[in-house]
Amino acid sequence: MSQHNLEIAKRGIDAFNATDVDAFTALTTPDFEWSPSMVAIEGQLFRGSDGIRAYFASLRAPNGKRIT
């Protein structure tokens, strides 16, 4: 893996851990898809920047349900 790719991966991990939605979104492409394996949201597919925002919103939801 190139140094450039390592830096992007590190920035993504840092943004995710800081729940910095804008920074995390900036590192993805419009066709980004994510299907987390966390029990509370398992089976949901999050697409693009709207999906990233919905994912992070679901983490803040008291019941873990997707907020739209």
PDB file of N, CA and C in Angstrom:
ATOM      1  N   MET A   1       0.855  -1.164   0.000  1.00  0.00           N
ATOM      2  CA  MET A   1       0.000   0.000   0.000  1.00  0.00           C
ATOM      3  C   MET A   1       0.902   1.229   0.000  1.00  0.00           C
ATOM      4  N   SER A   2       0.548   2.218  -0.809  1.00  0.00           N
ATOM      5  CA  SER A   2       1.367   3.412  -0.904  1.00  0.00           C
ATOM      6  C   SER A   2       1.217   4.285   0.342  1.00  0.00           C
ATOM      7  N   GLN A   3       2.186   5.138   0.557  1.00  0.00           N
ATOM      8  CA  GLN A   3       2.141   6.073   1.681  1.00  0.00           C
ATOM      9  C   GLN A   3       0.903   6.964   1.590  1.00  0.00           C
ATOM     10  N   HIS A   4       0.553   7.363   0.370  1.00  0.00           N
ATOM     11  CA  HIS A   4      -0.633   8.202   0.154  1.00  0.00           C
ATOM     12  C   HIS A   4      -1.897   7.479   0.621  1.00  0.00           C
ATOM     13  N   ASN A   5      -2.038   6.217   0.247  1.00  0.00           N
ATOM     14  CA  ASN A   5      -3.204   5.432   0.665  1.00  0.00           C
ATOM     15  C   ASN A   5      -3.227   5.212   2.174  1.00  0.00           C
ATOM     16  N   LEU A   6      -2.071   5.026   2.769  1.00  0.00           N
ATOM     17  CA  LEU A   6      -2.006   4.880   4.221  1.00  0.00           C
ATOM     18  C   LEU A   6      -2.480   6.148   4.919  1.00  0.00           C
ATOM     19  N   GLU A   7      -2.093   7.298   4.386  1.00  0.00           N
ATOM     20  CA  GLU A   7      -2.522   8.574   4.963  1.00  0.00           C
ATOM     21  C   GLU A   7      -4.035   8.745   4.861  1.00  0.00           C
ATOM     22  N   ILE A   8      -4.598   8.375   3.723  1.00  0.00           N
ATOM     23  CA  ILE A   8      -6.049   8.469   3.546  1.00  0.00           C
ATOM     24  C   ILE A   8      -6.754   7.542   4.537  1.00  0.00           C
ATOM     25  N   ALA A   9      -6.251   6.322   4.679  1.00  0.00           N
ATOM     26  CA  ALA A   9      -6.846   5.375   5.623  1.00  0.00           C
ATOM     27  C   ALA A   9      -6.762   5.906   7.051  1.00  0.00           C
ATOM     28  N   LYS A  10      -5.624   6.474   7.427  1.00  0.00           N
ATOM     29  CA  LYS A  10      -5.458   7.032   8.772  1.00  0.00           C
ATOM     30  C   LYS A  10      -6.421   8.195   8.987  1.00  0.00           C
ATOM     31  N   ARG A  11      -6.557   9.063   8.009  1.00  0.00           N
ATOM     32  CA  ARG A  11      -7.487  10.188   8.131  1.00  0.00           C
ATOM     33  C   ARG A  11      -8.921   9.686   8.277  1.00  0.00           C
ATOM     34  N   GLY A  12      -9.260   8.640   7.540  1.00  0.00           N
ATOM     35  CA  GLY A  12     -10.597   8.068   7.638  1.00  0.00           C
ATOM     36  C   GLY A  12     -10.873   7.482   9.012  1.00  0.00           C
ATOM     37  N   ILE A  13      -9.909   6.758   9.540  1.00  0.00           N
ATOM     38  CA  ILE A  13     -10.060   6.178  10.876  1.00  0.00           C
ATOM     39  C   ILE A  13     -10.176   7.280  11.922  1.00  0.00           C
ATOM     40  N   ASP A  14      -9.329   8.299  11.812  1.00  0.00           N
ATOM     41  CA  ASP A  14      -9.388   9.414  12.756  1.00  0.00           C
ATOM     42  C   ASP A  14     -10.738  10.127  12.687  1.00  0.00           C
ATOM     43  N   ALA A  15     -11.223  10.377  11.470  1.00  0.00           N
ATOM     44  CA  ALA A  15     -12.515  11.058  11.299  1.00  0.00           C
ATOM     45  C   ALA A  15     -13.642  10.206  11.860  1.00  0.00           C
ATOM     46  N   PHE A  16     -13.620   8.909  11.592  1.00  0.00           N
ATOM     47  CA  PHE A  16     -14.648   8.008  12.110  1.00  0.00           C
ATOM     48  C   PHE A  16     -14.641   8.007  13.635  1.00  0.00           C
ATOM     49  N   ASN A  17     -13.463   7.846  14.226  1.00  0.00           N
ATOM     50  CA  ASN A  17     -13.363   7.785  15.686  1.00  0.00           C
ATOM     51  C   ASN A  17     -13.785   9.098  16.344  1.00  0.00           C
ATOM     52  N   ALA A  18     -13.592  10.204  15.650  1.00  0.00           N
ATOM     53  CA  ALA A  18     -13.987  11.518  16.180  1.00  0.00           C
ATOM     54  C   ALA A  18     -15.444  11.837  15.831  1.00  0.00           C
ATOM     55  N   THR A  19     -16.106  10.928  15.136  1.00  0.00           N
ATOM     56  CA  THR A  19     -17.454  11.131  14.586  1.00  0.00           C
ATOM     57  C   THR A  19     -17.537  12.450  13.830  1.00  0.00           C
ATOM     58  N   ASP A  20     -16.482  12.730  13.060  1.00  0.00           N
ATOM     59  CA  ASP A  20     -16.429  13.921  12.215  1.00  0.00           C
ATOM     60  C   ASP A  20     -17.020  13.545  10.856  1.00  0.00           C
ATOM     61  N   VAL A  21     -18.318  13.715  10.737  1.00  0.00           N
ATOM     62  CA  VAL A  21     -19.055  13.276   9.547  1.00  0.00           C
ATOM     63  C   VAL A  21     -18.538  13.959   8.297  1.00  0.00           C
ATOM     64  N   ASP A  22     -18.299  15.257   8.367  1.00  0.00           N
ATOM     65  CA  ASP A  22     -17.834  15.984   7.186  1.00  0.00           C
ATOM     66  C   ASP A  22     -16.467  15.496   6.716  1.00  0.00           C
ATOM     67  N   ALA A  23     -15.555  15.286   7.643  1.00  0.00           N
ATOM     68  CA  ALA A  23     -14.221  14.799   7.270  1.00  0.00           C
ATOM     69  C   ALA A  23     -14.292  13.387   6.706  1.00  0.00           C
ATOM     70  N   PHE A  24     -15.115  12.541   7.315  1.00  0.00           N
ATOM     71  CA  PHE A  24     -15.257  11.168   6.827  1.00  0.00           C
ATOM     72  C   PHE A  24     -15.877  11.153   5.433  1.00  0.00           C
ATOM     73  N   THR A  25     -16.933  11.940   5.249  1.00  0.00           N
ATOM     74  CA  THR A  25     -17.602  12.028   3.952  1.00  0.00           C
ATOM     75  C   THR A  25     -16.659  12.524   2.865  1.00  0.00           C
ATOM     76  N   ALA A  26     -15.809  13.471   3.208  1.00  0.00           N
ATOM     77  CA  ALA A  26     -14.871  14.038   2.236  1.00  0.00           C
ATOM     78  C   ALA A  26     -13.892  12.990   1.695  1.00  0.00           C
ATOM     79  N   LEU A  27     -13.706  11.918   2.421  1.00  0.00           N
ATOM     80  CA  LEU A  27     -12.769  10.870   2.007  1.00  0.00           C
ATOM     81  C   LEU A  27     -13.428   9.755   1.197  1.00  0.00           C
ATOM     82  N   THR A  28     -14.727   9.867   0.971  1.00  0.00           N
ATOM     83  CA  THR A  28     -15.445   8.818   0.245  1.00  0.00           C
ATOM     84  C   THR A  28     -15.875   9.303  -1.135  1.00  0.00           C
ATOM     85  N   THR A  29     -16.360   8.380  -1.922  1.00  0.00           N
ATOM     86  CA  THR A  29     -16.878   8.694  -3.251  1.00  0.00           C
ATOM     87  C   THR A  29     -18.404   8.662  -3.211  1.00  0.00           C
ATOM     88  N   PRO A  30     -19.067   9.264  -4.213  1.00  0.00           N
ATOM     89  CA  PRO A  30     -20.532   9.274  -4.219  1.00  0.00           C
ATOM     90  C   PRO A  30     -21.162   7.879  -4.205  1.00  0.00           C
ATOM     91  N   ASP A  31     -20.455   6.870  -4.693  1.00  0.00           N
ATOM     92  CA  ASP A  31     -21.019   5.518  -4.725  1.00  0.00           C
ATOM     93  C   ASP A  31     -20.597   4.669  -3.520  1.00  0.00           C
ATOM     94  N   PHE A  32     -20.079   5.315  -2.490  1.00  0.00           N
ATOM     95  CA  PHE A  32     -19.679   4.645  -1.263  1.00  0.00           C
ATOM     96  C   PHE A  32     -20.864   3.894  -0.664  1.00  0.00           C
ATOM     97  N   GLU A  33     -20.649   2.644  -0.285  1.00  0.00           N
ATOM     98  CA  GLU A  33     -21.683   1.838   0.373  1.00  0.00           C
ATOM     99  C   GLU A  33     -21.087   1.186   1.604  1.00  0.00           C
ATOM    100  N   TRP A  34     -21.898   1.130   2.655  1.00  0.00           N
ATOM    101  CA  TRP A  34     -21.417   0.595   3.908  1.00  0.00           C
ATOM    102  C   TRP A  34     -22.525  -0.212   4.557  1.00  0.00           C
ATOM    103  N   SER A  35     -22.220  -1.422   4.931  1.00  0.00           N
ATOM    104  CA  SER A  35     -23.183  -2.292   5.605  1.00  0.00           C
ATOM    105  C   SER A  35     -22.557  -2.755   6.920  1.00  0.00           C
ATOM    106  N   PRO A  36     -22.741  -1.967   7.989  1.00  0.00           N
ATOM    107  CA  PRO A  36     -22.123  -2.310   9.277  1.00  0.00           C
ATOM    108  C   PRO A  36     -22.668  -3.620   9.833  1.00  0.00           C
ATOM    109  N   SER A  37     -21.874  -4.262  10.654  1.00  0.00           N
ATOM    110  CA  SER A  37     -22.310  -5.521  11.258  1.00  0.00           C
ATOM    111  C   SER A  37     -22.703  -5.344  12.719  1.00  0.00           C
ATOM    112  N   MET A  38     -22.937  -4.107  13.133  1.00  0.00           N
ATOM    113  CA  MET A  38     -23.387  -3.855  14.506  1.00  0.00           C
ATOM    114  C   MET A  38     -24.825  -4.337  14.639  1.00  0.00           C
ATOM    115  N   VAL A  39     -25.141  -5.005  15.709  1.00  0.00           N
ATOM    116  CA  VAL A  39     -26.448  -5.627  15.899  1.00  0.00           C
ATOM    117  C   VAL A  39     -27.588  -4.624  15.755  1.00  0.00           C
ATOM    118  N   ALA A  40     -27.437  -3.436  16.321  1.00  0.00           N
ATOM    119  CA  ALA A  40     -28.536  -2.460  16.322  1.00  0.00           C
ATOM    120  C   ALA A  40     -28.926  -2.007  14.920  1.00  0.00           C
ATOM    121  N   ILE A  41     -27.987  -2.045  13.979  1.00  0.00           N
ATOM    122  CA  ILE A  41     -28.279  -1.571  12.621  1.00  0.00           C
ATOM    123  C   ILE A  41     -27.895  -2.602  11.565  1.00  0.00           C
ATOM    124  N   GLU A  42     -27.682  -3.819  11.983  1.00  0.00           N
ATOM    125  CA  GLU A  42     -27.279  -4.880  11.068  1.00  0.00           C
ATOM    126  C   GLU A  42     -28.305  -5.029   9.944  1.00  0.00           C
ATOM    127  N   GLY A  43     -27.805  -5.227   8.759  1.00  0.00           N
ATOM    128  CA  GLY A  43     -28.674  -5.430   7.614  1.00  0.00           C
ATOM    129  C   GLY A  43     -29.025  -4.152   6.878  1.00  0.00           C
ATOM    130  N   GLN A  44     -28.693  -3.021   7.447  1.00  0.00           N
ATOM    131  CA  GLN A  44     -28.960  -1.756   6.768  1.00  0.00           C
ATOM    132  C   GLN A  44     -27.771  -1.414   5.868  1.00  0.00           C
ATOM    133  N   LEU A  45     -28.059  -0.818   4.745  1.00  0.00           N
ATOM    134  CA  LEU A  45     -27.029  -0.399   3.807  1.00  0.00           C
ATOM    135  C   LEU A  45     -27.058   1.114   3.739  1.00  0.00           C
ATOM    136  N   PHE A  46     -25.918   1.726   3.952  1.00  0.00           N
ATOM    137  CA  PHE A  46     -25.791   3.176   3.920  1.00  0.00           C
ATOM    138  C   PHE A  46     -25.030   3.559   2.655  1.00  0.00           C
ATOM    139  N   ARG A  47     -25.632   4.445   1.861  1.00  0.00           N
ATOM    140  CA  ARG A  47     -25.041   4.812   0.561  1.00  0.00           C
ATOM    141  C   ARG A  47     -24.725   6.297   0.493  1.00  0.00           C
ATOM    142  N   GLY A  48     -23.546   6.602  -0.050  1.00  0.00           N
ATOM    143  CA  GLY A  48     -23.155   7.983  -0.309  1.00  0.00           C
ATOM    144  C   GLY A  48     -23.088   8.832   0.952  1.00  0.00           C
ATOM    145  N   SER A  49     -22.962  10.142   0.753  1.00  0.00           N
ATOM    146  CA  SER A  49     -22.823  11.048   1.894  1.00  0.00           C
ATOM    147  C   SER A  49     -24.082  11.075   2.752  1.00  0.00           C
ATOM    148  N   ASP A  50     -25.252  10.954   2.136  1.00  0.00           N
ATOM    149  CA  ASP A  50     -26.489  10.907   2.931  1.00  0.00           C
ATOM    150  C   ASP A  50     -26.511   9.669   3.818  1.00  0.00           C
ATOM    151  N   GLY A  51     -26.033   8.568   3.297  1.00  0.00           N
ATOM    152  CA  GLY A  51     -25.965   7.340   4.085  1.00  0.00           C
ATOM    153  C   GLY A  51     -24.988   7.455   5.243  1.00  0.00           C
ATOM    154  N   ILE A  52     -23.857   8.108   5.002  1.00  0.00           N
ATOM    155  CA  ILE A  52     -22.880   8.310   6.080  1.00  0.00           C
ATOM    156  C   ILE A  52     -23.508   9.148   7.185  1.00  0.00           C
ATOM    157  N   ARG A  53     -24.206  10.200   6.795  1.00  0.00           N
ATOM    158  CA  ARG A  53     -24.868  11.059   7.793  1.00  0.00           C
ATOM    159  C   ARG A  53     -25.937  10.268   8.557  1.00  0.00           C
ATOM    160  N   ALA A  54     -26.692   9.436   7.853  1.00  0.00           N
ATOM    161  CA  ALA A  54     -27.721   8.619   8.502  1.00  0.00           C
ATOM    162  C   ALA A  54     -27.087   7.615   9.462  1.00  0.00           C
ATOM    163  N   TYR A  55     -25.958   7.029   9.074  1.00  0.00           N
ATOM    164  CA  TYR A  55     -25.259   6.079   9.943  1.00  0.00           C
ATOM    165  C   TYR A  55     -24.857   6.750  11.253  1.00  0.00           C
ATOM    166  N   PHE A  56     -24.187   7.896  11.154  1.00  0.00           N
ATOM    167  CA  PHE A  56     -23.746   8.574  12.366  1.00  0.00           C
ATOM    168  C   PHE A  56     -24.934   9.054  13.198  1.00  0.00           C
ATOM    169  N   ALA A  57     -26.021   9.452  12.547  1.00  0.00           N
ATOM    170  CA  ALA A  57     -27.230   9.844  13.282  1.00  0.00           C
ATOM    171  C   ALA A  57     -27.797   8.645  14.027  1.00  0.00           C
ATOM    172  N   SER A  58     -27.743   7.453  13.417  1.00  0.00           N
ATOM    173  CA  SER A  58     -28.276   6.258  14.083  1.00  0.00           C
ATOM    174  C   SER A  58     -27.463   5.911  15.324  1.00  0.00           C
ATOM    175  N   LEU A  59     -26.194   6.276  15.336  1.00  0.00           N
ATOM    176  CA  LEU A  59     -25.369   6.030  16.525  1.00  0.00           C
ATOM    177  C   LEU A  59     -25.827   6.904  17.688  1.00  0.00           C
ATOM    178  N   ARG A  60     -26.373   8.065  17.367  1.00  0.00           N
ATOM    179  CA  ARG A  60     -26.837   8.979  18.407  1.00  0.00           C
ATOM    180  C   ARG A  60     -28.275   8.708  18.823  1.00  0.00           C
ATOM    181  N   ALA A  61     -28.987   7.903  18.043  1.00  0.00           N
ATOM    182  CA  ALA A  61     -30.384   7.611  18.349  1.00  0.00           C
ATOM    183  C   ALA A  61     -30.467   6.732  19.597  1.00  0.00           C
ATOM    184  N   PRO A  62     -31.400   7.028  20.488  1.00  0.00           N
ATOM    185  CA  PRO A  62     -31.472   6.260  21.735  1.00  0.00           C
ATOM    186  C   PRO A  62     -31.753   4.776  21.538  1.00  0.00           C
ATOM    187  N   ASN A  63     -32.465   4.420  20.483  1.00  0.00           N
ATOM    188  CA  ASN A  63     -32.798   3.009  20.259  1.00  0.00           C
ATOM    189  C   ASN A  63     -31.992   2.386  19.130  1.00  0.00           C
ATOM    190  N   GLY A  64     -31.027   3.145  18.584  1.00  0.00           N
ATOM    191  CA  GLY A  64     -30.189   2.645  17.514  1.00  0.00           C
ATOM    192  C   GLY A  64     -30.877   2.582  16.164  1.00  0.00           C
ATOM    193  N   LYS A  65     -32.112   3.080  16.094  1.00  0.00           N
ATOM    194  CA  LYS A  65     -32.853   3.047  14.840  1.00  0.00           C
ATOM    195  C   LYS A  65     -32.381   4.171  13.922  1.00  0.00           C
ATOM    196  N   ARG A  66     -32.498   3.908  12.653  1.00  0.00           N
ATOM    197  CA  ARG A  66     -32.087   4.871  11.645  1.00  0.00           C
ATOM    198  C   ARG A  66     -32.963   6.117  11.708  1.00  0.00           C
ATOM    199  N   ILE A  67     -32.320   7.260  11.716  1.00  0.00           N
ATOM    200  CA  ILE A  67     -33.020   8.536  11.717  1.00  0.00           C
ATOM    201  C   ILE A  67     -32.995   9.071  10.295  1.00  0.00           C
ATOM    202  N   THR A  68     -34.145   9.371   9.740  1.00  0.00           N
ATOM    203  CA  THR A  68     -34.192   9.905   8.368  1.00  0.00           C
ATOM    204  C   THR A  68     -34.851  11.245   8.359  1.00  0.00           C
TER     205      THR A  68
END
